Amino acid sequence: MDAMKKVKVKWVDSCSPADSNWHRIDELSLQPLTCESIGFVVSEDKHQISVAGTVAESGSVYGVMTIPKRAVLKIMVIR
């Protein structure tokens, strides 16, 4: 199996209130959520990056997540 590039991706996710109840607008905290994901790059182009959390010796991957590049703040290669 060829070595896959390992990265930490810092990205902004959408969010909503923790419950689905009615809310007063002045009581809402409507801030986007900043996340960090660590994984192996499965694919990447100018629009998105896909990372897998687990890679088997056979080359199979598990836990793949695709993040739109417009939501990415930083990509750091892990050595």
PDB file of N, CA and C in Angstrom:
ATOM      1  N   MET A   1       0.841  -1.183   0.000  1.00  0.00           N
ATOM      2  CA  MET A   1       0.000   0.000   0.000  1.00  0.00           C
ATOM      3  C   MET A   1       0.883   1.241   0.000  1.00  0.00           C
ATOM      4  N   ASP A   2       0.633   2.157  -0.916  1.00  0.00           N
ATOM      5  CA  ASP A   2       1.369   3.424  -0.940  1.00  0.00           C
ATOM      6  C   ASP A   2       0.942   4.274   0.247  1.00  0.00           C
ATOM      7  N   ALA A   3       1.881   5.055   0.765  1.00  0.00           N
ATOM      8  CA  ALA A   3       1.572   5.943   1.882  1.00  0.00           C
ATOM      9  C   ALA A   3       0.632   7.050   1.421  1.00  0.00           C
ATOM     10  N   MET A   4      -0.388   7.282   2.204  1.00  0.00           N
ATOM     11  CA  MET A   4      -1.326   8.359   1.899  1.00  0.00           C
ATOM     12  C   MET A   4      -0.942   9.570   2.733  1.00  0.00           C
ATOM     13  N   LYS A   5      -1.145  10.750   2.175  1.00  0.00           N
ATOM     14  CA  LYS A   5      -0.813  11.987   2.882  1.00  0.00           C
ATOM     15  C   LYS A   5      -1.755  12.161   4.072  1.00  0.00           C
ATOM     16  N   LYS A   6      -1.176  12.446   5.237  1.00  0.00           N
ATOM     17  CA  LYS A   6      -1.956  12.716   6.444  1.00  0.00           C
ATOM     18  C   LYS A   6      -2.057  14.227   6.627  1.00  0.00           C
ATOM     19  N   VAL A   7      -3.261  14.703   6.954  1.00  0.00           N
ATOM     20  CA  VAL A   7      -3.470  16.141   7.107  1.00  0.00           C
ATOM     21  C   VAL A   7      -4.358  16.451   8.306  1.00  0.00           C
ATOM     22  N   LYS A   8      -4.222  17.681   8.781  1.00  0.00           N
ATOM     23  CA  LYS A   8      -5.181  18.254   9.722  1.00  0.00           C
ATOM     24  C   LYS A   8      -5.868  19.381   8.977  1.00  0.00           C
ATOM     25  N   VAL A   9      -7.182  19.309   8.881  1.00  0.00           N
ATOM     26  CA  VAL A   9      -7.965  20.320   8.170  1.00  0.00           C
ATOM     27  C   VAL A   9      -8.739  21.139   9.191  1.00  0.00           C
ATOM     28  N   LYS A  10      -8.518  22.446   9.183  1.00  0.00           N
ATOM     29  CA  LYS A  10      -9.291  23.360  10.027  1.00  0.00           C
ATOM     30  C   LYS A  10     -10.352  23.974   9.121  1.00  0.00           C
ATOM     31  N   TRP A  11     -11.631  23.850   9.520  1.00  0.00           N
ATOM     32  CA  TRP A  11     -12.717  24.264   8.643  1.00  0.00           C
ATOM     33  C   TRP A  11     -13.897  24.800   9.445  1.00  0.00           C
ATOM     34  N   VAL A  12     -14.768  25.515   8.760  1.00  0.00           N
ATOM     35  CA  VAL A  12     -15.939  26.121   9.389  1.00  0.00           C
ATOM     36  C   VAL A  12     -17.175  25.327   8.988  1.00  0.00           C
ATOM     37  N   ASP A  13     -17.940  24.904   9.984  1.00  0.00           N
ATOM     38  CA  ASP A  13     -19.159  24.139   9.758  1.00  0.00           C
ATOM     39  C   ASP A  13     -20.374  25.025  10.028  1.00  0.00           C
ATOM     40  N   SER A  14     -21.475  24.682   9.408  1.00  0.00           N
ATOM     41  CA  SER A  14     -22.719  25.380   9.718  1.00  0.00           C
ATOM     42  C   SER A  14     -23.214  24.885  11.072  1.00  0.00           C
ATOM     43  N   CYS A  15     -24.093  25.633  11.673  1.00  0.00           N
ATOM     44  CA  CYS A  15     -24.616  25.223  12.975  1.00  0.00           C
ATOM     45  C   CYS A  15     -26.051  25.712  13.131  1.00  0.00           C
ATOM     46  N   SER A  16     -26.697  25.182  14.127  1.00  0.00           N
ATOM     47  CA  SER A  16     -28.055  25.595  14.455  1.00  0.00           C
ATOM     48  C   SER A  16     -28.217  25.481  15.968  1.00  0.00           C
ATOM     49  N   PRO A  17     -29.280  26.055  16.527  1.00  0.00           N
ATOM     50  CA  PRO A  17     -29.496  25.895  17.970  1.00  0.00           C
ATOM     51  C   PRO A  17     -29.549  24.417  18.340  1.00  0.00           C
ATOM     52  N   ALA A  18     -29.185  24.102  19.571  1.00  0.00           N
ATOM     53  CA  ALA A  18     -29.115  22.716  20.018  1.00  0.00           C
ATOM     54  C   ALA A  18     -30.477  22.031  20.065  1.00  0.00           C
ATOM     55  N   ASP A  19     -31.529  22.790  20.096  1.00  0.00           N
ATOM     56  CA  ASP A  19     -32.862  22.195  20.116  1.00  0.00           C
ATOM     57  C   ASP A  19     -33.710  22.783  18.990  1.00  0.00           C
ATOM     58  N   SER A  20     -34.854  22.215  18.776  1.00  0.00           N
ATOM     59  CA  SER A  20     -35.714  22.681  17.678  1.00  0.00           C
ATOM     60  C   SER A  20     -36.911  23.476  18.193  1.00  0.00           C
ATOM     61  N   ASN A  21     -36.750  24.067  19.360  1.00  0.00           N
ATOM     62  CA  ASN A  21     -37.826  24.868  19.946  1.00  0.00           C
ATOM     63  C   ASN A  21     -37.863  26.263  19.342  1.00  0.00           C
ATOM     64  N   TRP A  22     -38.908  27.002  19.679  1.00  0.00           N
ATOM     65  CA  TRP A  22     -38.992  28.404  19.301  1.00  0.00           C
ATOM     66  C   TRP A  22     -37.970  29.191  20.106  1.00  0.00           C
ATOM     67  N   HIS A  23     -37.375  30.233  19.482  1.00  0.00           N
ATOM     68  CA  HIS A  23     -36.355  31.045  20.149  1.00  0.00           C
ATOM     69  C   HIS A  23     -36.622  32.521  19.896  1.00  0.00           C
ATOM     70  N   ARG A  24     -36.310  33.323  20.896  1.00  0.00           N
ATOM     71  CA  ARG A  24     -36.321  34.769  20.679  1.00  0.00           C
ATOM     72  C   ARG A  24     -35.030  35.106  19.942  1.00  0.00           C
ATOM     73  N   ILE A  25     -35.121  35.932  18.926  1.00  0.00           N
ATOM     74  CA  ILE A  25     -33.952  36.270  18.111  1.00  0.00           C
ATOM     75  C   ILE A  25     -32.830  36.859  18.953  1.00  0.00           C
ATOM     76  N   ASP A  26     -33.167  37.728  19.914  1.00  0.00           N
ATOM     77  CA  ASP A  26     -32.132  38.370  20.728  1.00  0.00           C
ATOM     78  C   ASP A  26     -31.466  37.410  21.719  1.00  0.00           C
ATOM     79  N   GLU A  27     -31.969  36.181  21.858  1.00  0.00           N
ATOM     80  CA  GLU A  27     -31.373  35.201  22.755  1.00  0.00           C
ATOM     81  C   GLU A  27     -30.539  34.145  22.027  1.00  0.00           C
ATOM     82  N   LEU A  28     -30.538  34.205  20.702  1.00  0.00           N
ATOM     83  CA  LEU A  28     -29.803  33.214  19.928  1.00  0.00           C
ATOM     84  C   LEU A  28     -28.316  33.543  19.841  1.00  0.00           C
ATOM     85  N   SER A  29     -27.500  32.514  19.858  1.00  0.00           N
ATOM     86  CA  SER A  29     -26.071  32.650  19.594  1.00  0.00           C
ATOM     87  C   SER A  29     -25.835  31.958  18.255  1.00  0.00           C
ATOM     88  N   LEU A  30     -25.733  32.723  17.196  1.00  0.00           N
ATOM     89  CA  LEU A  30     -25.657  32.176  15.844  1.00  0.00           C
ATOM     90  C   LEU A  30     -24.247  32.303  15.283  1.00  0.00           C
ATOM     91  N   GLN A  31     -23.336  31.568  15.864  1.00  0.00           N
ATOM     92  CA  GLN A  31     -21.951  31.607  15.430  1.00  0.00           C
ATOM     93  C   GLN A  31     -21.604  30.299  14.720  1.00  0.00           C
ATOM     94  N   PRO A  32     -20.884  30.369  13.586  1.00  0.00           N
ATOM     95  CA  PRO A  32     -20.456  29.135  12.939  1.00  0.00           C
ATOM     96  C   PRO A  32     -19.496  28.374  13.845  1.00  0.00           C
ATOM     97  N   LEU A  33     -19.375  27.100  13.592  1.00  0.00           N
ATOM     98  CA  LEU A  33     -18.563  26.220  14.408  1.00  0.00           C
ATOM     99  C   LEU A  33     -17.247  25.934  13.692  1.00  0.00           C
ATOM    100  N   THR A  34     -16.111  26.222  14.339  1.00  0.00           N
ATOM    101  CA  THR A  34     -14.806  25.908  13.759  1.00  0.00           C
ATOM    102  C   THR A  34     -14.411  24.505  14.213  1.00  0.00           C
ATOM    103  N   CYS A  35     -14.029  23.666  13.242  1.00  0.00           N
ATOM    104  CA  CYS A  35     -13.696  22.260  13.505  1.00  0.00           C
ATOM    105  C   CYS A  35     -12.299  21.948  13.003  1.00  0.00           C
ATOM    106  N   GLU A  36     -11.716  20.878  13.532  1.00  0.00           N
ATOM    107  CA  GLU A  36     -10.461  20.346  13.031  1.00  0.00           C
ATOM    108  C   GLU A  36     -10.633  18.851  12.827  1.00  0.00           C
ATOM    109  N   SER A  37     -10.286  18.380  11.653  1.00  0.00           N
ATOM    110  CA  SER A  37     -10.365  16.958  11.325  1.00  0.00           C
ATOM    111  C   SER A  37      -8.988  16.476  10.903  1.00  0.00           C
ATOM    112  N   ILE A  38      -8.621  15.299  11.376  1.00  0.00           N
ATOM    113  CA  ILE A  38      -7.343  14.690  11.014  1.00  0.00           C
ATOM    114  C   ILE A  38      -7.643  13.411  10.246  1.00  0.00           C
ATOM    115  N   GLY A  39      -6.946  13.227   9.107  1.00  0.00           N
ATOM    116  CA  GLY A  39      -7.184  12.019   8.341  1.00  0.00           C
ATOM    117  C   GLY A  39      -6.233  11.877   7.178  1.00  0.00           C
ATOM    118  N   PHE A  40      -6.494  10.849   6.377  1.00  0.00           N
ATOM    119  CA  PHE A  40      -5.702  10.535   5.196  1.00  0.00           C
ATOM    120  C   PHE A  40      -6.429  11.062   3.966  1.00  0.00           C
ATOM    121  N   VAL A  41      -5.730  11.785   3.102  1.00  0.00           N
ATOM    122  CA  VAL A  41      -6.355  12.379   1.922  1.00  0.00           C
ATOM    123  C   VAL A  41      -6.719  11.279   0.932  1.00  0.00           C
ATOM    124  N   VAL A  42      -8.014  11.172   0.650  1.00  0.00           N
ATOM    125  CA  VAL A  42      -8.528  10.197  -0.309  1.00  0.00           C
ATOM    126  C   VAL A  42      -8.596  10.832  -1.692  1.00  0.00           C
ATOM    127  N   SER A  43      -9.052  12.089  -1.734  1.00  0.00           N
ATOM    128  CA  SER A  43      -9.072  12.852  -2.981  1.00  0.00           C
ATOM    129  C   SER A  43      -9.101  14.331  -2.641  1.00  0.00           C
ATOM    130  N   GLU A  44      -8.645  15.133  -3.608  1.00  0.00           N
ATOM    131  CA  GLU A  44      -8.625  16.585  -3.423  1.00  0.00           C
ATOM    132  C   GLU A  44      -8.618  17.236  -4.791  1.00  0.00           C
ATOM    133  N   ASP A  45      -9.429  18.282  -4.936  1.00  0.00           N
ATOM    134  CA  ASP A  45      -9.391  19.120  -6.121  1.00  0.00           C
ATOM    135  C   ASP A  45      -9.633  20.556  -5.672  1.00  0.00           C
ATOM    136  N   LYS A  46      -9.851  21.464  -6.603  1.00  0.00           N
ATOM    137  CA  LYS A  46      -9.986  22.873  -6.221  1.00  0.00           C
ATOM    138  C   LYS A  46     -11.288  23.164  -5.479  1.00  0.00           C
ATOM    139  N   HIS A  47     -12.238  22.214  -5.487  1.00  0.00           N
ATOM    140  CA  HIS A  47     -13.537  22.438  -4.849  1.00  0.00           C
ATOM    141  C   HIS A  47     -13.704  21.737  -3.512  1.00  0.00           C
ATOM    142  N   GLN A  48     -12.972  20.651  -3.273  1.00  0.00           N
ATOM    143  CA  GLN A  48     -13.188  19.873  -2.057  1.00  0.00           C
ATOM    144  C   GLN A  48     -11.976  19.023  -1.711  1.00  0.00           C
ATOM    145  N   ILE A  49     -11.955  18.593  -0.445  1.00  0.00           N
ATOM    146  CA  ILE A  49     -10.955  17.630   0.017  1.00  0.00           C
ATOM    147  C   ILE A  49     -11.708  16.537   0.767  1.00  0.00           C
ATOM    148  N   SER A  50     -11.357  15.277   0.502  1.00  0.00           N
ATOM    149  CA  SER A  50     -11.962  14.136   1.189  1.00  0.00           C
ATOM    150  C   SER A  50     -10.889  13.450   2.009  1.00  0.00           C
ATOM    151  N   VAL A  51     -11.174  13.226   3.290  1.00  0.00           N
ATOM    152  CA  VAL A  51     -10.229  12.566   4.186  1.00  0.00           C
ATOM    153  C   VAL A  51     -10.900  11.352   4.826  1.00  0.00           C
ATOM    154  N   ALA A  52     -10.105  10.304   5.042  1.00  0.00           N
ATOM    155  CA  ALA A  52     -10.573   9.088   5.710  1.00  0.00           C
ATOM    156  C   ALA A  52      -9.914   8.997   7.069  1.00  0.00           C
ATOM    157  N   GLY A  53     -10.661   8.587   8.064  1.00  0.00           N
ATOM    158  CA  GLY A  53     -10.114   8.438   9.402  1.00  0.00           C
ATOM    159  C   GLY A  53      -9.281   7.181   9.568  1.00  0.00           C
ATOM    160  N   THR A  54      -9.596   6.146   8.778  1.00  0.00           N
ATOM    161  CA  THR A  54      -8.902   4.865   8.898  1.00  0.00           C
ATOM    162  C   THR A  54      -8.585   4.307   7.518  1.00  0.00           C
ATOM    163  N   VAL A  55      -7.378   3.768   7.373  1.00  0.00           N
ATOM    164  CA  VAL A  55      -6.969   3.100   6.132  1.00  0.00           C
ATOM    165  C   VAL A  55      -6.444   1.718   6.500  1.00  0.00           C
ATOM    166  N   ALA A  56      -6.987   0.673   5.863  1.00  0.00           N
ATOM    167  CA  ALA A  56      -6.546  -0.702   6.113  1.00  0.00           C
ATOM    168  C   ALA A  56      -5.342  -1.038   5.241  1.00  0.00           C
ATOM    169  N   GLU A  57      -4.609  -2.086   5.603  1.00  0.00           N
ATOM    170  CA  GLU A  57      -3.474  -2.536   4.801  1.00  0.00           C
ATOM    171  C   GLU A  57      -3.875  -2.852   3.370  1.00  0.00           C
ATOM    172  N   SER A  58      -5.113  -3.274   3.177  1.00  0.00           N
ATOM    173  CA  SER A  58      -5.615  -3.611   1.839  1.00  0.00           C
ATOM    174  C   SER A  58      -5.856  -2.374   0.985  1.00  0.00           C
ATOM    175  N   GLY A  59      -5.822  -1.194   1.617  1.00  0.00           N
ATOM    176  CA  GLY A  59      -6.101   0.046   0.899  1.00  0.00           C
ATOM    177  C   GLY A  59      -7.532   0.517   1.060  1.00  0.00           C
ATOM    178  N   SER A  60      -8.378  -0.287   1.704  1.00  0.00           N
ATOM    179  CA  SER A  60      -9.752   0.124   1.974  1.00  0.00           C
ATOM    180  C   SER A  60      -9.758   1.256   2.992  1.00  0.00           C
ATOM    181  N   VAL A  61     -10.736   2.149   2.866  1.00  0.00           N
ATOM    182  CA  VAL A  61     -10.815   3.288   3.784  1.00  0.00           C
ATOM    183  C   VAL A  61     -12.152   3.273   4.507  1.00  0.00           C
ATOM    184  N   TYR A  62     -12.176   3.909   5.683  1.00  0.00           N
ATOM    185  CA  TYR A  62     -13.377   3.980   6.512  1.00  0.00           C
ATOM    186  C   TYR A  62     -13.489   5.395   7.081  1.00  0.00           C
ATOM    187  N   GLY A  63     -14.706   5.864   7.216  1.00  0.00           N
ATOM    188  CA  GLY A  63     -14.935   7.175   7.830  1.00  0.00           C
ATOM    189  C   GLY A  63     -14.523   8.322   6.936  1.00  0.00           C
ATOM    190  N   VAL A  64     -14.920   8.269   5.660  1.00  0.00           N
ATOM    191  CA  VAL A  64     -14.549   9.320   4.706  1.00  0.00           C
ATOM    192  C   VAL A  64     -15.478  10.519   4.866  1.00  0.00           C
ATOM    193  N   MET A  65     -14.891  11.699   4.927  1.00  0.00           N
ATOM    194  CA  MET A  65     -15.645  12.948   5.002  1.00  0.00           C
ATOM    195  C   MET A  65     -15.137  13.892   3.917  1.00  0.00           C
ATOM    196  N   THR A  66     -16.054  14.518   3.207  1.00  0.00           N
ATOM    197  CA  THR A  66     -15.694  15.495   2.178  1.00  0.00           C
ATOM    198  C   THR A  66     -16.036  16.888   2.695  1.00  0.00           C
ATOM    199  N   ILE A  67     -15.058  17.775   2.626  1.00  0.00           N
ATOM    200  CA  ILE A  67     -15.211  19.153   3.114  1.00  0.00           C
ATOM    201  C   ILE A  67     -15.078  20.095   1.927  1.00  0.00           C
ATOM    202  N   PRO A  68     -16.062  20.964   1.705  1.00  0.00           N
ATOM    203  CA  PRO A  68     -15.943  21.943   0.620  1.00  0.00           C
ATOM    204  C   PRO A  68     -14.775  22.889   0.890  1.00  0.00           C
ATOM    205  N   LYS A  69     -13.979  23.181  -0.138  1.00  0.00           N
ATOM    206  CA  LYS A  69     -12.810  24.062   0.031  1.00  0.00           C
ATOM    207  C   LYS A  69     -13.211  25.459   0.503  1.00  0.00           C
ATOM    208  N   ARG A  70     -14.396  25.926   0.138  1.00  0.00           N
ATOM    209  CA  ARG A  70     -14.787  27.268   0.584  1.00  0.00           C
ATOM    210  C   ARG A  70     -14.997  27.332   2.100  1.00  0.00           C
ATOM    211  N   ALA A  71     -15.109  26.158   2.763  1.00  0.00           N
ATOM    212  CA  ALA A  71     -15.236  26.118   4.218  1.00  0.00           C
ATOM    213  C   ALA A  71     -13.894  25.908   4.920  1.00  0.00           C
ATOM    214  N   VAL A  72     -12.845  25.608   4.160  1.00  0.00           N
ATOM    215  CA  VAL A  72     -11.528  25.294   4.738  1.00  0.00           C
ATOM    216  C   VAL A  72     -10.781  26.575   5.097  1.00  0.00           C
ATOM    217  N   LEU A  73     -10.278  26.622   6.325  1.00  0.00           N
ATOM    218  CA  LEU A  73      -9.446  27.742   6.776  1.00  0.00           C
ATOM    219  C   LEU A  73      -7.966  27.436   6.595  1.00  0.00           C
ATOM    220  N   LYS A  74      -7.597  26.144   6.818  1.00  0.00           N
ATOM    221  CA  LYS A  74      -6.192  25.776   6.739  1.00  0.00           C
ATOM    222  C   LYS A  74      -6.061  24.267   6.567  1.00  0.00           C
ATOM    223  N   ILE A  75      -5.087  23.845   5.769  1.00  0.00           N
ATOM    224  CA  ILE A  75      -4.736  22.429   5.639  1.00  0.00           C
ATOM    225  C   ILE A  75      -3.262  22.296   5.995  1.00  0.00           C
ATOM    226  N   MET A  76      -2.962  21.458   6.992  1.00  0.00           N
ATOM    227  CA  MET A  76      -1.598  21.269   7.427  1.00  0.00           C
ATOM    228  C   MET A  76      -1.213  19.794   7.248  1.00  0.00           C
ATOM    229  N   VAL A  77      -0.118  19.534   6.531  1.00  0.00           N
ATOM    230  CA  VAL A  77       0.364  18.177   6.339  1.00  0.00           C
ATOM    231  C   VAL A  77       0.999  17.701   7.639  1.00  0.00           C
ATOM    232  N   ILE A  78       0.666  16.466   8.045  1.00  0.00           N
ATOM    233  CA  ILE A  78       1.228  15.851   9.248  1.00  0.00           C
ATOM    234  C   ILE A  78       2.309  14.879   8.818  1.00  0.00           C
ATOM    235  N   ARG A  79       3.468  15.017   9.374  1.00  0.00           N
ATOM    236  CA  ARG A  79       4.586  14.136   9.027  1.00  0.00           C
ATOM    237  C   ARG A  79       4.771  13.078  10.075  1.00  0.00           C
TER     238      ARG A  79
END
